[in-house]
Protein backbone atom coordinates (compact mmCIF):
# COMPACT_ATOMS: atom_id res chain seq x y z
CA UNK A 1 134.21 106.35 83.44
CA UNK A 2 132.26 108.34 86.05
CA UNK A 3 129.90 106.78 88.56
CA UNK A 4 127.72 108.14 91.35
CA UNK A 5 127.08 105.76 94.24
CA UNK A 6 124.19 106.74 96.51
CA UNK A 7 124.49 105.08 99.92
CA UNK A 8 127.84 104.29 101.56
CA UNK A 9 126.94 101.36 103.78
CA UNK A 10 128.92 98.13 103.51
CA UNK A 11 127.86 97.46 99.93
CA UNK A 12 128.14 101.03 98.64
CA UNK A 13 131.49 101.49 100.38
CA UNK A 14 132.99 98.34 98.87
CA UNK A 15 131.66 99.19 95.40
CA UNK A 16 132.98 102.76 95.53
CA UNK A 17 136.45 101.71 96.69
CA UNK A 18 136.67 98.98 94.05
CA UNK A 19 135.56 101.25 91.20
CA UNK A 20 138.08 103.88 92.28
CA UNK A 21 140.84 101.27 92.43
CA UNK A 22 139.96 100.26 88.86
CA UNK A 23 140.59 103.84 87.75
CA UNK A 24 137.06 105.19 87.51
CA UNK A 25 135.90 108.52 88.87
CA UNK A 26 133.47 107.88 91.72
CA UNK A 27 131.26 110.27 93.64
CA UNK A 28 130.13 108.60 96.85
CA UNK A 29 127.04 110.08 98.50
CA UNK A 30 125.50 109.48 101.92
CA UNK A 31 123.53 111.50 104.46
CA UNK A 32 125.76 110.20 107.27
CA UNK A 33 128.73 112.57 107.62
CA UNK A 34 130.78 109.94 109.48
CA UNK A 35 130.59 107.55 106.52
CA UNK A 36 131.46 110.37 104.13
CA UNK A 37 134.47 111.46 106.18
CA UNK A 38 135.76 107.90 106.51
CA UNK A 39 135.83 107.47 102.74
CA UNK A 40 137.11 110.83 101.54
CA UNK A 41 140.68 109.51 101.18
CA UNK A 42 139.62 106.22 99.56
CA UNK A 43 137.36 107.29 96.68
CA UNK A 44 137.49 110.16 94.19
CA UNK A 45 134.85 112.43 95.76
CA UNK A 46 132.46 112.21 98.69
CA UNK A 47 129.32 114.27 99.31
CA UNK A 48 127.03 114.43 102.33
CA UNK A 49 123.37 114.95 101.39
CA UNK A 50 119.89 113.45 101.65
CA UNK A 51 119.31 111.41 98.49
CA UNK A 52 115.52 111.88 98.72
CA UNK A 53 115.89 115.68 98.50
CA UNK A 54 115.25 116.69 94.88
CA UNK A 55 117.19 119.96 95.05
CA UNK A 56 120.21 118.34 96.67
CA UNK A 57 120.31 115.41 94.23
CA UNK A 58 119.80 117.71 91.24
CA UNK A 59 123.06 119.47 92.18
CA UNK A 60 125.02 116.27 91.48
CA UNK A 61 126.51 115.76 87.97
CA UNK A 62 123.83 113.21 87.10
CA UNK A 63 123.92 113.74 83.36
CA UNK A 64 127.72 113.61 83.13
CA UNK A 65 127.82 110.21 84.82
CA UNK A 66 127.85 106.87 83.05
CA UNK A 67 125.59 105.37 85.72
CA UNK A 68 124.02 106.21 89.06
CA UNK A 69 123.93 103.28 91.48
CA UNK A 70 121.40 103.29 94.31
CA UNK A 71 123.29 101.27 96.93
CA UNK A 72 121.01 102.11 99.86
CA UNK A 73 120.11 98.89 101.66
CA UNK A 74 119.01 99.50 105.23
CA UNK A 75 116.21 101.94 104.38
CA UNK A 76 114.09 100.42 101.60
CA UNK A 77 111.77 103.42 101.55
CA UNK A 78 114.66 105.83 100.98
CA UNK A 79 116.05 103.50 98.31
CA UNK A 80 112.77 103.47 96.37
CA UNK A 81 112.17 107.20 96.79
CA UNK A 82 115.71 107.90 95.60
CA UNK A 83 115.26 105.64 92.58
CA UNK A 84 111.92 107.27 91.72
CA UNK A 85 113.54 110.70 91.98
CA UNK A 86 116.34 109.68 89.60
CA UNK A 87 113.73 108.34 87.18
CA UNK A 88 111.83 111.61 87.40
CA UNK A 89 115.05 113.52 86.69
CA UNK A 90 115.52 111.34 83.57
CA UNK A 91 118.92 109.94 84.56
CA UNK A 92 120.09 107.87 81.58
CA UNK A 93 121.28 104.78 83.48
CA UNK A 94 120.03 103.81 86.94
CA UNK A 95 121.13 100.66 88.74
CA UNK A 96 118.88 99.86 91.70
CA UNK A 97 119.56 97.74 94.75
CA UNK A 98 116.93 95.11 95.52
CA UNK A 99 116.52 93.63 98.98
CA UNK A 100 113.04 92.10 98.51
CA UNK A 101 110.75 90.73 95.80
CA UNK A 102 108.34 93.58 96.46
CA UNK A 103 111.03 96.17 95.90
CA UNK A 104 111.93 94.40 92.65
CA UNK A 105 108.27 94.59 91.58
CA UNK A 106 108.15 98.34 92.16
CA UNK A 107 111.44 98.86 90.30
CA UNK A 108 110.08 96.87 87.37
CA UNK A 109 106.92 99.00 87.41
CA UNK A 110 109.19 102.06 87.23
CA UNK A 111 110.97 100.38 84.30
CA UNK A 112 114.30 100.05 86.08
CA UNK A 113 115.99 97.31 84.07
CA UNK A 114 119.26 96.98 85.99
CA UNK A 115 119.46 96.01 89.64
CA UNK A 116 121.56 94.20 92.21
CA UNK A 117 120.28 91.82 94.91
CA UNK A 118 122.74 91.33 97.79
CA UNK A 119 120.22 91.00 100.62
CA UNK A 120 117.60 88.56 101.96
CA UNK A 121 114.11 89.01 103.37
CA UNK A 122 113.82 91.02 106.60
CA UNK A 123 112.17 89.74 109.78
CA UNK A 124 109.65 92.61 109.71
CA UNK A 125 108.34 91.70 106.24
CA UNK A 126 108.05 88.07 107.25
CA UNK A 127 106.16 89.03 110.42
CA UNK A 128 103.64 91.09 108.41
CA UNK A 129 103.10 88.19 105.99
CA UNK A 130 102.57 85.74 108.83
CA UNK A 131 100.11 88.16 110.45
CA UNK A 132 97.86 88.22 107.36
CA UNK A 133 97.75 85.26 104.97
CA UNK A 134 96.57 87.48 102.11
CA UNK A 135 99.70 89.62 102.31
CA UNK A 136 102.39 88.24 100.04
CA UNK A 137 105.14 90.70 101.00
CA UNK A 138 105.55 94.20 102.45
CA UNK A 139 107.93 96.84 103.66
CA UNK A 140 107.65 100.17 105.44
CA UNK A 141 108.28 103.40 103.56
CA UNK A 142 108.06 105.35 106.82
CA UNK A 143 106.51 104.98 110.25
CA UNK A 144 103.13 105.75 108.67
CA UNK A 145 103.20 104.28 105.16
CA UNK A 146 103.92 100.85 103.68
CA UNK A 147 103.98 99.14 100.30
CA UNK A 148 102.22 95.77 100.38
CA UNK A 149 101.67 92.92 97.93
CA UNK A 150 98.26 91.36 98.52
CA UNK A 151 95.98 88.92 96.70
CA UNK A 152 93.03 90.73 95.09
CA UNK A 153 89.94 90.26 97.31
CA UNK A 154 87.19 88.09 95.81
CA UNK A 155 84.66 90.95 95.87
CA UNK A 156 86.74 92.93 93.35
CA UNK A 157 87.36 90.15 90.82
CA UNK A 158 86.14 91.20 87.39
CA UNK A 159 86.08 94.90 88.20
CA UNK A 160 88.31 97.62 86.79
CA UNK A 161 90.33 99.76 89.19
CA UNK A 162 87.98 102.64 88.37
CA UNK A 163 84.99 100.53 89.43
CA UNK A 164 86.73 99.24 92.56
CA UNK A 165 87.59 102.84 93.53
CA UNK A 166 90.06 101.65 96.18
CA UNK A 167 91.66 105.07 96.66
CA UNK A 168 88.42 106.70 97.77
CA UNK A 169 87.13 103.66 99.65
CA UNK A 170 90.30 102.82 101.59
CA UNK A 171 92.77 105.68 100.99
CA UNK A 172 95.28 103.39 99.29
CA UNK A 173 96.94 103.58 95.88
CA UNK A 174 97.39 100.63 93.52
CA UNK A 175 100.90 100.96 92.06
CA UNK A 176 100.74 97.92 89.79
CA UNK A 177 99.23 94.45 89.49
CA UNK A 178 100.97 91.11 89.08
CA UNK A 179 99.68 88.21 87.03
CA UNK A 180 100.52 84.71 88.23
CA UNK A 181 100.71 81.79 85.84
CA UNK A 182 102.18 78.32 85.76
CA UNK A 183 105.41 78.12 83.80
CA UNK A 184 108.37 75.87 83.18
CA UNK A 185 111.57 77.05 84.84
CA UNK A 186 114.69 74.90 84.41
CA UNK A 187 112.60 71.81 83.71
CA UNK A 188 110.22 72.20 86.64
CA UNK A 189 106.72 73.66 86.78
CA UNK A 190 106.45 76.70 89.04
CA UNK A 191 104.47 79.91 89.44
CA UNK A 192 105.79 82.72 87.25
CA UNK A 193 104.99 86.34 88.11
CA UNK A 194 104.39 88.92 85.39
CA UNK A 195 104.33 92.60 86.37
CA UNK A 196 101.78 94.49 84.26
CA UNK A 197 103.37 97.94 84.55
CA UNK A 198 101.98 101.06 86.20
CA UNK A 199 98.31 100.48 87.10
CA UNK A 200 95.62 102.23 85.06
CA UNK A 201 91.96 102.95 85.79
CA UNK A 202 91.04 100.45 83.04
CA UNK A 203 93.07 97.60 84.57
CA UNK A 204 90.76 94.63 85.18
CA UNK A 205 91.28 92.66 88.40
CA UNK A 206 91.29 88.92 87.84
CA UNK A 207 91.26 85.95 90.18
CA UNK A 208 94.74 85.24 91.53
CA UNK A 209 96.05 88.72 90.71
CA UNK A 210 98.35 90.38 93.23
CA UNK A 211 97.85 94.07 94.01
CA UNK A 212 100.85 96.21 94.92
CA UNK A 213 99.38 98.77 97.31
CA UNK A 214 100.72 101.97 98.87
CA UNK A 215 99.13 103.42 102.00
CA UNK A 216 98.76 103.09 105.74
CA UNK A 217 98.94 99.45 106.85
CA UNK A 218 95.67 99.61 108.80
CA UNK A 219 93.82 100.85 105.69
CA UNK A 220 95.41 98.16 103.55
CA UNK A 221 94.33 95.53 106.07
CA UNK A 222 90.74 96.84 105.88
CA UNK A 223 90.81 96.43 102.09
CA UNK A 224 92.05 92.86 102.03
CA UNK A 225 90.00 91.48 104.94
């Protein structure tokens, strides 16, 4: 079988080497030439390119591969942008790497059904959550933009997203909403999260809902305070 592994850090490197050893054809991709050079004798093929560049990624044999694995871990923004690009290019099987609950939420909103979770929460996300009690989780896409989970403010409860008009009011985008309910998990009662899919203008905001927001952190803070 043929696999494309995007991201040759510790996880992507180990996966690529193991798949090659098992007899599969593997194309390992990373933007770091040093990582690419170090692996060229250990896996079938290596390519140096930016996985968030549509033209560069389109040149890969995406449709001849049995799966494309997004193994990027250090840069969550690049991982999500890469996954979104693959989805846009209609790759038949995408396996995403999840390093946070928020990233998992966005992948689910993009209808990515397969994912791997080798990492734990970063100190930066924890610091942002501790800084604002209404922020459930967050991570930076770039120096300017972040994706943040936040409890819907009381003043917007009962309104549709069209009525709330958050994009014009605060220059943020609502990617999806999450419903929280009490459920029974392995014999114990706990809070179960249900992702509602890509947000629509008709989505009604209810008490206890979590908004998944994209924008500048200072604008997001203005919205939820």
